[in-house]
Amino acid sequence: MTSRDVQIEPATPADIPAIIEMVQRDFRDELRSFLAAAEIEYMLATRYTRDALLRERDNGHTFVKLHCEGDIHASGFSNT
C-alpha cells in the first residue's frame, strides 16, 4: 500500500458545479436502497442546486472538499 497526500479544505462557491456533478452522478445509486426514486429526484431538484447550496452556506452550513492525490475517484464533500 502506498501513502497518498489527502487534503481537506473548505469548499467555495466555485466548487458548487463539482458538488452538483458528484451528487447527480452518485446519489441515485447510493440512496435507492432506502428512498423511492421520486424522493431522490425531488431531493436532487430542490436541495442540490446552486441556489440551494448557497442558501445552506448562508445559513451557516460548512461544505468541505476532500482530494486524494493520485486518485481522481477519491474526492468528495461534506456538509456540516
Protein backbone atom coordinates (compact mmCIF):
# COMPACT_ATOMS: atom_id res chain seq x y z
CA MET A 1 0.00 0.00 0.00
CA THR A 2 1.30 3.44 -0.85
CA SER A 3 0.63 6.58 1.12
CA ARG A 4 -1.14 9.45 -0.61
CA ASP A 5 -1.46 13.09 0.19
CA VAL A 6 -5.03 13.72 1.38
CA GLN A 7 -6.28 17.29 1.64
CA ILE A 8 -9.48 18.53 3.25
CA GLU A 9 -10.30 22.18 2.73
CA PRO A 10 -13.32 24.48 2.72
CA ALA A 11 -15.38 24.40 -0.42
CA THR A 12 -16.11 27.72 -2.10
CA PRO A 13 -18.90 28.84 -4.44
CA ALA A 14 -16.53 27.97 -7.29
CA ASP A 15 -16.77 24.32 -6.16
CA ILE A 16 -20.56 24.18 -6.42
CA PRO A 17 -20.64 22.84 -10.00
CA ALA A 18 -18.36 19.95 -8.97
CA ILE A 19 -20.52 19.22 -5.91
CA ILE A 20 -23.67 19.17 -8.04
CA GLU A 21 -21.98 16.94 -10.63
CA MET A 22 -20.87 14.50 -7.92
CA VAL A 23 -24.34 14.42 -6.38
CA GLN A 24 -26.02 13.89 -9.75
CA ARG A 25 -23.55 11.11 -10.59
CA ASP A 26 -23.59 9.22 -7.28
CA PHE A 27 -26.68 9.84 -5.16
CA ARG A 28 -29.19 7.80 -7.14
CA ASP A 29 -27.15 4.63 -6.68
CA GLU A 30 -26.28 5.44 -3.07
CA LEU A 31 -29.83 6.23 -1.95
CA ARG A 32 -32.04 3.90 -3.99
CA SER A 33 -31.88 1.10 -1.40
CA PHE A 34 -33.84 3.19 1.11
CA LEU A 35 -35.55 6.03 -0.80
CA ALA A 36 -38.07 5.91 -3.63
CA ALA A 37 -36.91 7.24 -6.99
CA ALA A 38 -39.35 10.16 -6.76
CA GLU A 39 -37.94 11.16 -3.36
CA ILE A 40 -34.40 11.09 -4.71
CA GLU A 41 -35.32 13.19 -7.75
CA TYR A 42 -37.15 15.70 -5.52
CA MET A 43 -34.13 15.99 -3.25
CA LEU A 44 -31.77 16.48 -6.19
CA ALA A 45 -34.05 19.12 -7.72
CA THR A 46 -34.57 21.09 -4.50
CA ARG A 47 -31.53 20.59 -2.26
CA TYR A 48 -28.65 20.29 -4.68
CA THR A 49 -28.97 23.30 -6.92
CA ARG A 50 -26.59 26.26 -6.94
CA ASP A 51 -29.14 28.47 -5.18
CA ALA A 52 -29.98 25.83 -2.56
CA LEU A 53 -26.32 25.19 -1.75
CA LEU A 54 -25.61 28.92 -1.46
CA ARG A 55 -28.61 29.30 0.89
CA GLU A 56 -27.28 26.46 3.03
CA ARG A 57 -23.89 28.18 3.19
CA ASP A 58 -25.54 31.50 4.09
CA ASN A 59 -27.44 29.70 6.88
CA GLY A 60 -24.21 28.50 8.48
CA HIS A 61 -23.59 25.15 6.80
CA THR A 62 -19.97 24.43 6.03
CA PHE A 63 -19.01 22.48 2.94
CA VAL A 64 -15.60 20.87 2.77
CA LYS A 65 -13.91 19.05 -0.07
CA LEU A 66 -11.52 16.14 0.03
CA HIS A 67 -8.84 15.39 -2.53
CA CYS A 68 -6.65 12.31 -2.58
CA GLU A 69 -3.52 12.80 -4.66
CA GLY A 70 -3.08 10.32 -7.43
CA ASP A 71 -6.67 9.06 -7.42
CA ILE A 72 -9.21 11.16 -9.27
CA HIS A 73 -12.00 8.97 -7.92
CA ALA A 74 -11.17 9.71 -4.28
CA SER A 75 -12.85 13.03 -3.91
CA GLY A 76 -15.93 14.06 -2.02
CA PHE A 77 -17.66 16.70 0.04
CA SER A 78 -19.29 17.02 3.41
CA ASN A 79 -21.98 19.38 4.62
CA THR A 80 -21.78 20.12 8.33
